[in-house]
PDB file of N, CA and C in Angstrom:
ATOM      1  N   MET A   1      -3.960  -4.943 -35.984  1.00  0.00           N
ATOM      2  CA  MET A   1      -2.996  -4.763 -34.923  1.00  0.00           C
ATOM      3  C   MET A   1      -3.675  -5.028 -33.579  1.00  0.00           C
ATOM      4  N   SER A   2      -3.075  -5.891 -32.787  1.00  0.00           N
ATOM      5  CA  SER A   2      -3.660  -6.201 -31.483  1.00  0.00           C
ATOM      6  C   SER A   2      -3.078  -5.278 -30.423  1.00  0.00           C
ATOM      7  N   THR A   3      -3.893  -4.990 -29.438  1.00  0.00           N
ATOM      8  CA  THR A   3      -3.399  -4.163 -28.345  1.00  0.00           C
ATOM      9  C   THR A   3      -2.865  -5.080 -27.255  1.00  0.00           C
ATOM     10  N   VAL A   4      -1.675  -4.794 -26.822  1.00  0.00           N
ATOM     11  CA  VAL A   4      -1.037  -5.591 -25.785  1.00  0.00           C
ATOM     12  C   VAL A   4      -1.200  -4.866 -24.457  1.00  0.00           C
ATOM     13  N   MET A   5      -1.722  -5.582 -23.476  1.00  0.00           N
ATOM     14  CA  MET A   5      -1.856  -4.973 -22.151  1.00  0.00           C
ATOM     15  C   MET A   5      -0.488  -4.845 -21.510  1.00  0.00           C
ATOM     16  N   LYS A   6      -0.270  -3.723 -20.898  1.00  0.00           N
ATOM     17  CA  LYS A   6       0.995  -3.464 -20.211  1.00  0.00           C
ATOM     18  C   LYS A   6       1.071  -4.318 -18.956  1.00  0.00           C
ATOM     19  N   LYS A   7       2.197  -5.015 -18.791  1.00  0.00           N
ATOM     20  CA  LYS A   7       2.429  -5.783 -17.569  1.00  0.00           C
ATOM     21  C   LYS A   7       2.984  -4.858 -16.498  1.00  0.00           C
ATOM     22  N   SER A   8       2.866  -5.314 -15.269  1.00  0.00           N
ATOM     23  CA  SER A   8       3.434  -4.554 -14.159  1.00  0.00           C
ATOM     24  C   SER A   8       4.950  -4.560 -14.251  1.00  0.00           C
ATOM     25  N   ASN A   9       5.533  -3.519 -13.744  1.00  0.00           N
ATOM     26  CA  ASN A   9       6.979  -3.357 -13.716  1.00  0.00           C
ATOM     27  C   ASN A   9       7.571  -4.298 -12.669  1.00  0.00           C
ATOM     28  N   ILE A  10       8.728  -4.876 -12.959  1.00  0.00           N
ATOM     29  CA  ILE A  10       9.400  -5.774 -12.016  1.00  0.00           C
ATOM     30  C   ILE A  10       9.709  -5.042 -10.704  1.00  0.00           C
ATOM     31  N   PHE A  11       9.938  -3.744 -10.776  1.00  0.00           N
ATOM     32  CA  PHE A  11      10.172  -2.941  -9.569  1.00  0.00           C
ATOM     33  C   PHE A  11       8.975  -3.044  -8.619  1.00  0.00           C
ATOM     34  N   ALA A  12       7.763  -2.942  -9.177  1.00  0.00           N
ATOM     35  CA  ALA A  12       6.550  -3.054  -8.352  1.00  0.00           C
ATOM     36  C   ALA A  12       6.492  -4.421  -7.696  1.00  0.00           C
ATOM     37  N   TYR A  13       6.829  -5.445  -8.450  1.00  0.00           N
ATOM     38  CA  TYR A  13       6.794  -6.811  -7.916  1.00  0.00           C
ATOM     39  C   TYR A  13       7.793  -6.985  -6.773  1.00  0.00           C
ATOM     40  N   ILE A  14       9.010  -6.546  -6.985  1.00  0.00           N
ATOM     41  CA  ILE A  14      10.060  -6.712  -5.969  1.00  0.00           C
ATOM     42  C   ILE A  14       9.720  -5.922  -4.706  1.00  0.00           C
ATOM     43  N   GLU A  15       9.351  -4.663  -4.871  1.00  0.00           N
ATOM     44  CA  GLU A  15       9.077  -3.818  -3.707  1.00  0.00           C
ATOM     45  C   GLU A  15       7.815  -4.252  -2.963  1.00  0.00           C
ATOM     46  N   LEU A  16       6.775  -4.612  -3.706  1.00  0.00           N
ATOM     47  CA  LEU A  16       5.555  -5.065  -3.037  1.00  0.00           C
ATOM     48  C   LEU A  16       5.799  -6.397  -2.325  1.00  0.00           C
ATOM     49  N   SER A  17       6.658  -7.241  -2.890  1.00  0.00           N
ATOM     50  CA  SER A  17       6.967  -8.510  -2.219  1.00  0.00           C
ATOM     51  C   SER A  17       7.669  -8.264  -0.887  1.00  0.00           C
ATOM     52  N   LYS A  18       8.533  -7.255  -0.834  1.00  0.00           N
ATOM     53  CA  LYS A  18       9.200  -6.905   0.431  1.00  0.00           C
ATOM     54  C   LYS A  18       8.178  -6.419   1.454  1.00  0.00           C
ATOM     55  N   MET A  19       7.270  -5.574   0.997  1.00  0.00           N
ATOM     56  CA  MET A  19       6.244  -5.039   1.886  1.00  0.00           C
ATOM     57  C   MET A  19       5.363  -6.158   2.436  1.00  0.00           C
ATOM     58  N   VAL A  20       4.915  -7.041   1.552  1.00  0.00           N
ATOM     59  CA  VAL A  20       4.043  -8.145   1.953  1.00  0.00           C
ATOM     60  C   VAL A  20       4.753  -9.063   2.944  1.00  0.00           C
ATOM     61  N   GLU A  21       6.016  -9.337   2.693  1.00  0.00           N
ATOM     62  CA  GLU A  21       6.784 -10.191   3.604  1.00  0.00           C
ATOM     63  C   GLU A  21       6.814  -9.593   5.012  1.00  0.00           C
ATOM     64  N   GLU A  22       7.044  -8.299   5.092  1.00  0.00           N
ATOM     65  CA  GLU A  22       7.057  -7.622   6.393  1.00  0.00           C
ATOM     66  C   GLU A  22       5.678  -7.641   7.052  1.00  0.00           C
ATOM     67  N   LEU A  23       4.638  -7.365   6.272  1.00  0.00           N
ATOM     68  CA  LEU A  23       3.287  -7.313   6.835  1.00  0.00           C
ATOM     69  C   LEU A  23       2.812  -8.681   7.312  1.00  0.00           C
ATOM     70  N   ARG A  24       3.178  -9.721   6.594  1.00  0.00           N
ATOM     71  CA  ARG A  24       2.738 -11.072   6.977  1.00  0.00           C
ATOM     72  C   ARG A  24       3.288 -11.481   8.336  1.00  0.00           C
ATOM     73  N   GLN A  25       4.420 -10.940   8.721  1.00  0.00           N
ATOM     74  CA  GLN A  25       5.001 -11.267  10.025  1.00  0.00           C
ATOM     75  C   GLN A  25       4.124 -10.772  11.172  1.00  0.00           C
ATOM     76  N   SER A  26       3.313  -9.762  10.914  1.00  0.00           N
ATOM     77  CA  SER A  26       2.470  -9.174  11.966  1.00  0.00           C
ATOM     78  C   SER A  26       0.989  -9.217  11.620  1.00  0.00           C
ATOM     79  N   ALA A  27       0.638  -9.961  10.578  1.00  0.00           N
ATOM     80  CA  ALA A  27      -0.720  -9.898  10.028  1.00  0.00           C
ATOM     81  C   ALA A  27      -1.823 -10.157  11.048  1.00  0.00           C
ATOM     82  N   ALA A  28      -1.635 -11.097  11.928  1.00  0.00           N
ATOM     83  CA  ALA A  28      -2.716 -11.438  12.861  1.00  0.00           C
ATOM     84  C   ALA A  28      -2.378 -11.006  14.285  1.00  0.00           C
ATOM     85  N   SER A  29      -1.701  -9.894  14.407  1.00  0.00           N
ATOM     86  CA  SER A  29      -1.325  -9.455  15.754  1.00  0.00           C
ATOM     87  C   SER A  29      -1.661  -7.987  15.959  1.00  0.00           C
ATOM     88  N   ASP A  30      -1.534  -7.554  17.198  1.00  0.00           N
ATOM     89  CA  ASP A  30      -1.797  -6.153  17.503  1.00  0.00           C
ATOM     90  C   ASP A  30      -0.641  -5.253  17.061  1.00  0.00           C
ATOM     91  N   LYS A  31       0.384  -5.834  16.474  1.00  0.00           N
ATOM     92  CA  LYS A  31       1.526  -5.067  15.969  1.00  0.00           C
ATOM     93  C   LYS A  31       1.333  -4.642  14.505  1.00  0.00           C
ATOM     94  N   LEU A  32       0.211  -5.038  13.912  1.00  0.00           N
ATOM     95  CA  LEU A  32      -0.017  -4.754  12.493  1.00  0.00           C
ATOM     96  C   LEU A  32      -0.018  -3.258  12.201  1.00  0.00           C
ATOM     97  N   LYS A  33      -0.645  -2.452  13.041  1.00  0.00           N
ATOM     98  CA  LYS A  33      -0.683  -1.000  12.807  1.00  0.00           C
ATOM     99  C   LYS A  33       0.732  -0.432  12.764  1.00  0.00           C
ATOM    100  N   GLU A  34       1.565  -0.827  13.721  1.00  0.00           N
ATOM    101  CA  GLU A  34       2.947  -0.332  13.744  1.00  0.00           C
ATOM    102  C   GLU A  34       3.714  -0.801  12.512  1.00  0.00           C
ATOM    103  N   LYS A  35       3.458  -2.028  12.084  1.00  0.00           N
ATOM    104  CA  LYS A  35       4.142  -2.563  10.898  1.00  0.00           C
ATOM    105  C   LYS A  35       3.681  -1.815   9.648  1.00  0.00           C
ATOM    106  N   LEU A  36       2.391  -1.520   9.556  1.00  0.00           N
ATOM    107  CA  LEU A  36       1.890  -0.744   8.412  1.00  0.00           C
ATOM    108  C   LEU A  36       2.538   0.636   8.369  1.00  0.00           C
ATOM    109  N   LYS A  37       2.633   1.279   9.513  1.00  0.00           N
ATOM    110  CA  LYS A  37       3.273   2.604   9.553  1.00  0.00           C
ATOM    111  C   LYS A  37       4.748   2.499   9.184  1.00  0.00           C
ATOM    112  N   ALA A  38       5.408   1.434   9.624  1.00  0.00           N
ATOM    113  CA  ALA A  38       6.826   1.243   9.301  1.00  0.00           C
ATOM    114  C   ALA A  38       7.026   0.997   7.806  1.00  0.00           C
ATOM    115  N   GLN A  39       6.015   0.449   7.153  1.00  0.00           N
ATOM    116  CA  GLN A  39       6.095   0.151   5.719  1.00  0.00           C
ATOM    117  C   GLN A  39       5.472   1.256   4.860  1.00  0.00           C
ATOM    118  N   ALA A  40       5.108   2.363   5.464  1.00  0.00           N
ATOM    119  CA  ALA A  40       4.373   3.426   4.770  1.00  0.00           C
ATOM    120  C   ALA A  40       5.095   3.969   3.543  1.00  0.00           C
ATOM    121  N   ALA A  41       6.405   3.940   3.545  1.00  0.00           N
ATOM    122  CA  ALA A  41       7.157   4.473   2.399  1.00  0.00           C
ATOM    123  C   ALA A  41       6.803   3.751   1.104  1.00  0.00           C
ATOM    124  N   TYR A  42       6.464   2.471   1.198  1.00  0.00           N
ATOM    125  CA  TYR A  42       6.101   1.726  -0.010  1.00  0.00           C
ATOM    126  C   TYR A  42       4.880   2.333  -0.698  1.00  0.00           C
ATOM    127  N   PHE A  43       3.956   2.887   0.089  1.00  0.00           N
ATOM    128  CA  PHE A  43       2.773   3.506  -0.507  1.00  0.00           C
ATOM    129  C   PHE A  43       3.157   4.751  -1.307  1.00  0.00           C
ATOM    130  N   ASN A  44       4.287   5.359  -0.978  1.00  0.00           N
ATOM    131  CA  ASN A  44       4.766   6.531  -1.715  1.00  0.00           C
ATOM    132  C   ASN A  44       5.619   6.159  -2.917  1.00  0.00           C
ATOM    133  N   ILE A  45       6.486   5.160  -2.772  1.00  0.00           N
ATOM    134  CA  ILE A  45       7.417   4.862  -3.869  1.00  0.00           C
ATOM    135  C   ILE A  45       6.802   4.002  -4.965  1.00  0.00           C
ATOM    136  N   LEU A  46       5.746   3.261  -4.636  1.00  0.00           N
ATOM    137  CA  LEU A  46       5.099   2.428  -5.654  1.00  0.00           C
ATOM    138  C   LEU A  46       3.993   3.224  -6.336  1.00  0.00           C
ATOM    139  N   GLU A  47       4.365   3.917  -7.379  1.00  0.00           N
ATOM    140  CA  GLU A  47       3.412   4.742  -8.115  1.00  0.00           C
ATOM    141  C   GLU A  47       2.515   3.853  -8.972  1.00  0.00           C
ATOM    142  N   PRO A  48       1.273   4.278  -9.190  1.00  0.00           N
ATOM    143  CA  PRO A  48       0.348   3.470  -9.994  1.00  0.00           C
ATOM    144  C   PRO A  48       0.906   3.091 -11.367  1.00  0.00           C
ATOM    145  N   ARG A  49       1.723   3.938 -11.963  1.00  0.00           N
ATOM    146  CA  ARG A  49       2.249   3.657 -13.307  1.00  0.00           C
ATOM    147  C   ARG A  49       3.119   2.404 -13.346  1.00  0.00           C
ATOM    148  N   TYR A  50       3.570   1.933 -12.188  1.00  0.00           N
ATOM    149  CA  TYR A  50       4.381   0.714 -12.145  1.00  0.00           C
ATOM    150  C   TYR A  50       3.541  -0.555 -12.273  1.00  0.00           C
ATOM    151  N   PHE A  51       2.218  -0.404 -12.208  1.00  0.00           N
ATOM    152  CA  PHE A  51       1.335  -1.561 -12.250  1.00  0.00           C
ATOM    153  C   PHE A  51       0.707  -1.728 -13.626  1.00  0.00           C
ATOM    154  N   SER A  52       0.297  -2.950 -13.911  1.00  0.00           N
ATOM    155  CA  SER A  52      -0.345  -3.245 -15.188  1.00  0.00           C
ATOM    156  C   SER A  52      -1.688  -2.522 -15.274  1.00  0.00           C
ATOM    157  N   ASP A  53      -2.191  -2.452 -16.495  1.00  0.00           N
ATOM    158  CA  ASP A  53      -3.475  -1.792 -16.730  1.00  0.00           C
ATOM    159  C   ASP A  53      -4.574  -2.375 -15.841  1.00  0.00           C
ATOM    160  N   SER A  54      -4.531  -3.676 -15.620  1.00  0.00           N
ATOM    161  CA  SER A  54      -5.589  -4.325 -14.841  1.00  0.00           C
ATOM    162  C   SER A  54      -5.436  -4.115 -13.333  1.00  0.00           C
ATOM    163  N   LEU A  55      -4.270  -3.665 -12.882  1.00  0.00           N
ATOM    164  CA  LEU A  55      -4.036  -3.503 -11.443  1.00  0.00           C
ATOM    165  C   LEU A  55      -3.918  -2.044 -10.990  1.00  0.00           C
ATOM    166  N   ILE A  56      -3.807  -1.123 -11.943  1.00  0.00           N
ATOM    167  CA  ILE A  56      -3.639   0.293 -11.589  1.00  0.00           C
ATOM    168  C   ILE A  56      -4.753   0.779 -10.672  1.00  0.00           C
ATOM    169  N   SER A  57      -5.996   0.547 -11.052  1.00  0.00           N
ATOM    170  CA  SER A  57      -7.104   1.097 -10.262  1.00  0.00           C
ATOM    171  C   SER A  57      -7.163   0.471  -8.870  1.00  0.00           C
ATOM    172  N   GLU A  58      -6.785  -0.793  -8.751  1.00  0.00           N
ATOM    173  CA  GLU A  58      -6.774  -1.435  -7.432  1.00  0.00           C
ATOM    174  C   GLU A  58      -5.719  -0.788  -6.528  1.00  0.00           C
ATOM    175  N   TRP A  59      -4.530  -0.527  -7.081  1.00  0.00           N
ATOM    176  CA  TRP A  59      -3.483   0.129  -6.290  1.00  0.00           C
ATOM    177  C   TRP A  59      -3.892   1.561  -5.945  1.00  0.00           C
ATOM    178  N   GLU A  60      -4.507   2.258  -6.907  1.00  0.00           N
ATOM    179  CA  GLU A  60      -4.973   3.629  -6.641  1.00  0.00           C
ATOM    180  C   GLU A  60      -6.012   3.639  -5.521  1.00  0.00           C
ATOM    181  N   GLY A  61      -6.863   2.622  -5.477  1.00  0.00           N
ATOM    182  CA  GLY A  61      -7.850   2.508  -4.408  1.00  0.00           C
ATOM    183  C   GLY A  61      -7.197   2.324  -3.052  1.00  0.00           C
ATOM    184  N   ILE A  62      -6.156   1.494  -3.010  1.00  0.00           N
ATOM    185  CA  ILE A  62      -5.405   1.282  -1.770  1.00  0.00           C
ATOM    186  C   ILE A  62      -4.743   2.591  -1.344  1.00  0.00           C
ATOM    187  N   LEU A  63      -4.135   3.294  -2.299  1.00  0.00           N
ATOM    188  CA  LEU A  63      -3.486   4.571  -1.979  1.00  0.00           C
ATOM    189  C   LEU A  63      -4.486   5.590  -1.443  1.00  0.00           C
ATOM    190  N   ALA A  64      -5.676   5.621  -2.029  1.00  0.00           N
ATOM    191  CA  ALA A  64      -6.702   6.567  -1.577  1.00  0.00           C
ATOM    192  C   ALA A  64      -7.077   6.294  -0.118  1.00  0.00           C
ATOM    193  N   ILE A  65      -7.171   5.024   0.239  1.00  0.00           N
ATOM    194  CA  ILE A  65      -7.487   4.655   1.626  1.00  0.00           C
ATOM    195  C   ILE A  65      -6.387   5.143   2.559  1.00  0.00           C
ATOM    196  N   THR A  66      -5.134   4.980   2.141  1.00  0.00           N
ATOM    197  CA  THR A  66      -4.012   5.310   3.031  1.00  0.00           C
ATOM    198  C   THR A  66      -3.804   6.811   3.210  1.00  0.00           C
ATOM    199  N   LYS A  67      -4.433   7.611   2.371  1.00  0.00           N
ATOM    200  CA  LYS A  67      -4.207   9.062   2.449  1.00  0.00           C
ATOM    201  C   LYS A  67      -5.461   9.844   2.825  1.00  0.00           C
ATOM    202  N   GLN A  68      -6.521   9.137   3.227  1.00  0.00           N
ATOM    203  CA  GLN A  68      -7.817   9.806   3.405  1.00  0.00           C
ATOM    204  C   GLN A  68      -7.845  10.872   4.497  1.00  0.00           C
ATOM    205  N   LYS A  69      -7.042  10.767   5.519  1.00  0.00           N
ATOM    206  CA  LYS A  69      -7.063  11.767   6.599  1.00  0.00           C
ATOM    207  C   LYS A  69      -6.173  12.974   6.319  1.00  0.00           C
ATOM    208  N   GLY A  70      -5.261  12.840   5.374  1.00  0.00           N
ATOM    209  CA  GLY A  70      -4.341  13.937   5.090  1.00  0.00           C
ATOM    210  C   GLY A  70      -3.247  14.027   6.139  1.00  0.00           C
ATOM    211  N   ALA A  71      -2.347  14.937   5.926  1.00  0.00           N
ATOM    212  CA  ALA A  71      -1.207  15.107   6.833  1.00  0.00           C
ATOM    213  C   ALA A  71      -1.661  15.720   8.153  1.00  0.00           C
ATOM    214  N   LYS A  72      -0.942  15.399   9.205  1.00  0.00           N
ATOM    215  CA  LYS A  72      -1.193  15.991  10.523  1.00  0.00           C
ATOM    216  C   LYS A  72      -0.236  17.168  10.679  1.00  0.00           C
ATOM    217  N   VAL A  73      -0.788  18.318  11.040  1.00  0.00           N
ATOM    218  CA  VAL A  73       0.038  19.520  11.186  1.00  0.00           C
ATOM    219  C   VAL A  73      -0.078  20.063  12.607  1.00  0.00           C
ATOM    220  N   ASP A  74       0.962  20.776  13.029  1.00  0.00           N
ATOM    221  CA  ASP A  74       0.929  21.397  14.357  1.00  0.00           C
ATOM    222  C   ASP A  74       0.262  22.773  14.263  1.00  0.00           C
ATOM    223  N   ASP A  75       0.264  23.494  15.370  1.00  0.00           N
ATOM    224  CA  ASP A  75      -0.395  24.806  15.425  1.00  0.00           C
ATOM    225  C   ASP A  75       0.188  25.819  14.448  1.00  0.00           C
ATOM    226  N   GLU A  76       1.438  25.624  14.063  1.00  0.00           N
ATOM    227  CA  GLU A  76       2.098  26.546  13.135  1.00  0.00           C
ATOM    228  C   GLU A  76       1.981  26.093  11.683  1.00  0.00           C
ATOM    229  N   GLY A  77       1.275  24.990  11.458  1.00  0.00           N
ATOM    230  CA  GLY A  77       1.084  24.502  10.106  1.00  0.00           C
ATOM    231  C   GLY A  77       2.187  23.599   9.592  1.00  0.00           C
ATOM    232  N   LYS A  78       3.128  23.245  10.459  1.00  0.00           N
ATOM    233  CA  LYS A  78       4.205  22.347  10.048  1.00  0.00           C
ATOM    234  C   LYS A  78       3.708  20.906  10.084  1.00  0.00           C
ATOM    235  N   VAL A  79       4.060  20.156   9.046  1.00  0.00           N
ATOM    236  CA  VAL A  79       3.656  18.752   8.979  1.00  0.00           C
ATOM    237  C   VAL A  79       4.423  17.958  10.030  1.00  0.00           C
ATOM    238  N   ILE A  80       3.675  17.259  10.889  1.00  0.00           N
ATOM    239  CA  ILE A  80       4.326  16.428  11.906  1.00  0.00           C
ATOM    240  C   ILE A  80       4.110  14.935  11.635  1.00  0.00           C
ATOM    241  N   SER A  81       3.206  14.634  10.713  1.00  0.00           N
ATOM    242  CA  SER A  81       2.978  13.251  10.301  1.00  0.00           C
ATOM    243  C   SER A  81       2.397  13.287   8.897  1.00  0.00           C
ATOM    244  N   ASN A  82       2.997  12.534   7.965  1.00  0.00           N
ATOM    245  CA  ASN A  82       2.484  12.572   6.595  1.00  0.00           C
ATOM    246  C   ASN A  82       1.101  11.918   6.524  1.00  0.00           C
ATOM    247  N   ALA A  83       0.452  12.070   5.386  1.00  0.00           N
ATOM    248  CA  ALA A  83      -0.929  11.604   5.228  1.00  0.00           C
ATOM    249  C   ALA A  83      -1.066  10.108   5.495  1.00  0.00           C
ATOM    250  N   ILE A  84      -0.110   9.323   5.038  1.00  0.00           N
ATOM    251  CA  ILE A  84      -0.203   7.873   5.197  1.00  0.00           C
ATOM    252  C   ILE A  84      -0.069   7.479   6.666  1.00  0.00           C
ATOM    253  N   SER A  85       0.966   7.957   7.325  1.00  0.00           N
ATOM    254  CA  SER A  85       1.159   7.631   8.743  1.00  0.00           C
ATOM    255  C   SER A  85      -0.003   8.134   9.590  1.00  0.00           C
ATOM    256  N   ASN A  86      -0.473   9.337   9.307  1.00  0.00           N
ATOM    257  CA  ASN A  86      -1.586   9.910  10.055  1.00  0.00           C
ATOM    258  C   ASN A  86      -2.857   9.087   9.864  1.00  0.00           C
ATOM    259  N   THR A  87      -3.122   8.666   8.635  1.00  0.00           N
ATOM    260  CA  THR A  87      -4.317   7.865   8.356  1.00  0.00           C
ATOM    261  C   THR A  87      -4.230   6.508   9.035  1.00  0.00           C
ATOM    262  N   ILE A  88      -3.100   5.830   8.884  1.00  0.00           N
ATOM    263  CA  ILE A  88      -2.943   4.506   9.497  1.00  0.00           C
ATOM    264  C   ILE A  88      -3.041   4.602  11.016  1.00  0.00           C
ATOM    265  N   GLU A  89      -2.503   5.654  11.584  1.00  0.00           N
ATOM    266  CA  GLU A  89      -2.585   5.849  13.039  1.00  0.00           C
ATOM    267  C   GLU A  89      -4.040   5.909  13.509  1.00  0.00           C
ATOM    268  N   SER A  90      -4.925   6.433  12.663  1.00  0.00           N
ATOM    269  CA  SER A  90      -6.338   6.561  13.037  1.00  0.00           C
ATOM    270  C   SER A  90      -7.109   5.248  12.889  1.00  0.00           C
ATOM    271  N   PHE A  91      -6.520   4.258  12.225  1.00  0.00           N
ATOM    272  CA  PHE A  91      -7.201   2.986  11.977  1.00  0.00           C
ATOM    273  C   PHE A  91      -7.298   2.143  13.245  1.00  0.00           C
ATOM    274  N   ASN A  92      -8.409   1.421  13.360  1.00  0.00           N
ATOM    275  CA  ASN A  92      -8.505   0.404  14.401  1.00  0.00           C
ATOM    276  C   ASN A  92      -7.923  -0.905  13.841  1.00  0.00           C
ATOM    277  N   GLN A  93      -7.885  -1.943  14.651  1.00  0.00           N
ATOM    278  CA  GLN A  93      -7.279  -3.212  14.236  1.00  0.00           C
ATOM    279  C   GLN A  93      -7.958  -3.790  12.997  1.00  0.00           C
ATOM    280  N   LYS A  94      -9.286  -3.706  12.950  1.00  0.00           N
ATOM    281  CA  LYS A  94     -10.038  -4.253  11.818  1.00  0.00           C
ATOM    282  C   LYS A  94      -9.684  -3.511  10.519  1.00  0.00           C
ATOM    283  N   GLU A  95      -9.568  -2.197  10.593  1.00  0.00           N
ATOM    284  CA  GLU A  95      -9.217  -1.402   9.407  1.00  0.00           C
ATOM    285  C   GLU A  95      -7.790  -1.708   8.952  1.00  0.00           C
ATOM    286  N   CYS A  96      -6.891  -1.906   9.909  1.00  0.00           N
ATOM    287  CA  CYS A  96      -5.511  -2.279   9.566  1.00  0.00           C
ATOM    288  C   CYS A  96      -5.493  -3.625   8.858  1.00  0.00           C
ATOM    289  N   GLN A  97      -6.270  -4.573   9.370  1.00  0.00           N
ATOM    290  CA  GLN A  97      -6.330  -5.904   8.764  1.00  0.00           C
ATOM    291  C   GLN A  97      -6.904  -5.832   7.355  1.00  0.00           C
ATOM    292  N   LYS A  98      -7.936  -5.009   7.175  1.00  0.00           N
ATOM    293  CA  LYS A  98      -8.551  -4.861   5.851  1.00  0.00           C
ATOM    294  C   LYS A  98      -7.539  -4.294   4.850  1.00  0.00           C
ATOM    295  N   LEU A  99      -6.793  -3.280   5.269  1.00  0.00           N
ATOM    296  CA  LEU A  99      -5.778  -2.694   4.391  1.00  0.00           C
ATOM    297  C   LEU A  99      -4.712  -3.729   4.038  1.00  0.00           C
ATOM    298  N   ALA A 100      -4.235  -4.458   5.034  1.00  0.00           N
ATOM    299  CA  ALA A 100      -3.226  -5.491   4.782  1.00  0.00           C
ATOM    300  C   ALA A 100      -3.776  -6.548   3.829  1.00  0.00           C
ATOM    301  N   ASP A 101      -5.025  -6.958   4.024  1.00  0.00           N
ATOM    302  CA  ASP A 101      -5.635  -7.965   3.149  1.00  0.00           C
ATOM    303  C   ASP A 101      -5.734  -7.467   1.711  1.00  0.00           C
ATOM    304  N   GLN A 102      -6.022  -6.170   1.532  1.00  0.00           N
ATOM    305  CA  GLN A 102      -6.080  -5.605   0.184  1.00  0.00           C
ATOM    306  C   GLN A 102      -4.698  -5.645  -0.476  1.00  0.00           C
ATOM    307  N   VAL A 103      -3.671  -5.331   0.288  1.00  0.00           N
ATOM    308  CA  VAL A 103      -2.301  -5.385  -0.237  1.00  0.00           C
ATOM    309  C   VAL A 103      -1.943  -6.827  -0.589  1.00  0.00           C
ATOM    310  N   PHE A 104      -2.299  -7.777   0.283  1.00  0.00           N
ATOM    311  CA  PHE A 104      -2.019  -9.193   0.013  1.00  0.00           C
ATOM    312  C   PHE A 104      -2.733  -9.651  -1.259  1.00  0.00           C
ATOM    313  N   GLY A 105      -3.997  -9.243  -1.418  1.00  0.00           N
ATOM    314  CA  GLY A 105      -4.773  -9.627  -2.594  1.00  0.00           C
ATOM    315  C   GLY A 105      -4.175  -9.080  -3.879  1.00  0.00           C
ATOM    316  N   LEU A 106      -3.759  -7.829  -3.842  1.00  0.00           N
ATOM    317  CA  LEU A 106      -3.116  -7.220  -5.009  1.00  0.00           C
ATOM    318  C   LEU A 106      -1.818  -7.946  -5.334  1.00  0.00           C
ATOM    319  N   PHE A 107      -1.051  -8.290  -4.315  1.00  0.00           N
ATOM    320  CA  PHE A 107       0.218  -8.978  -4.539  1.00  0.00           C
ATOM    321  C   PHE A 107      -0.001 -10.350  -5.176  1.00  0.00           C
ATOM    322  N   GLU A 108      -1.046 -11.061  -4.773  1.00  0.00           N
ATOM    323  CA  GLU A 108      -1.343 -12.366  -5.389  1.00  0.00           C
ATOM    324  C   GLU A 108      -1.587 -12.204  -6.887  1.00  0.00           C
ATOM    325  N   LYS A 109      -2.342 -11.177  -7.263  1.00  0.00           N
ATOM    326  CA  LYS A 109      -2.610 -10.918  -8.683  1.00  0.00           C
ATOM    327  C   LYS A 109      -1.323 -10.536  -9.410  1.00  0.00           C
ATOM    328  N   LEU A 110      -0.495  -9.754  -8.749  1.00  0.00           N
ATOM    329  CA  LEU A 110       0.780  -9.329  -9.322  1.00  0.00           C
ATOM    330  C   LEU A 110       1.690 -10.535  -9.551  1.00  0.00           C
ATOM    331  N   GLN A 111       1.716 -11.447  -8.591  1.00  0.00           N
ATOM    332  CA  GLN A 111       2.529 -12.665  -8.731  1.00  0.00           C
ATOM    333  C   GLN A 111       2.121 -13.452  -9.967  1.00  0.00           C
ATOM    334  N   LYS A 112       0.819 -13.542 -10.225  1.00  0.00           N
ATOM    335  CA  LYS A 112       0.317 -14.305 -11.372  1.00  0.00           C
ATOM    336  C   LYS A 112       0.816 -13.718 -12.687  1.00  0.00           C
ATOM    337  N   GLU A 113       1.000 -12.403 -12.726  1.00  0.00           N
ATOM    338  CA  GLU A 113       1.517 -11.770 -13.948  1.00  0.00           C
ATOM    339  C   GLU A 113       2.947 -12.219 -14.253  1.00  0.00           C
ATOM    340  N   PHE A 114       3.686 -12.575 -13.215  1.00  0.00           N
ATOM    341  CA  PHE A 114       5.095 -12.924 -13.404  1.00  0.00           C
ATOM    342  C   PHE A 114       5.335 -14.428 -13.434  1.00  0.00           C
ATOM    343  N   GLN A 115       4.277 -15.222 -13.427  1.00  0.00           N
ATOM    344  CA  GLN A 115       4.441 -16.681 -13.496  1.00  0.00           C
ATOM    345  C   GLN A 115       4.465 -17.153 -14.925  1.00  0.00           C
TER     346      GLN A 115
END
């Protein structure tokens, strides 16, 4: 019996393609940070389980980068910015570009699975 590698879910492909399309519009500009924050929901809705066995760890690595600072809270402990938005806000232009490039690279691999 051969083991079949799990392919990525079409949902991951469709949603990541939307994210990439939006990011590419601002990829080489100073608007990239704002675009990344505007697309932050994709980092939450695209769970690693939607990706193939060969891409899960790459997506998990991207998610870890986007959540490294944790949520921003006020003096009373109320969340005023989620972990992803707070982390991206702390990034400089180079870090934003690196994150976008990682997403673009993952999407290229994902596209190949569906060809």
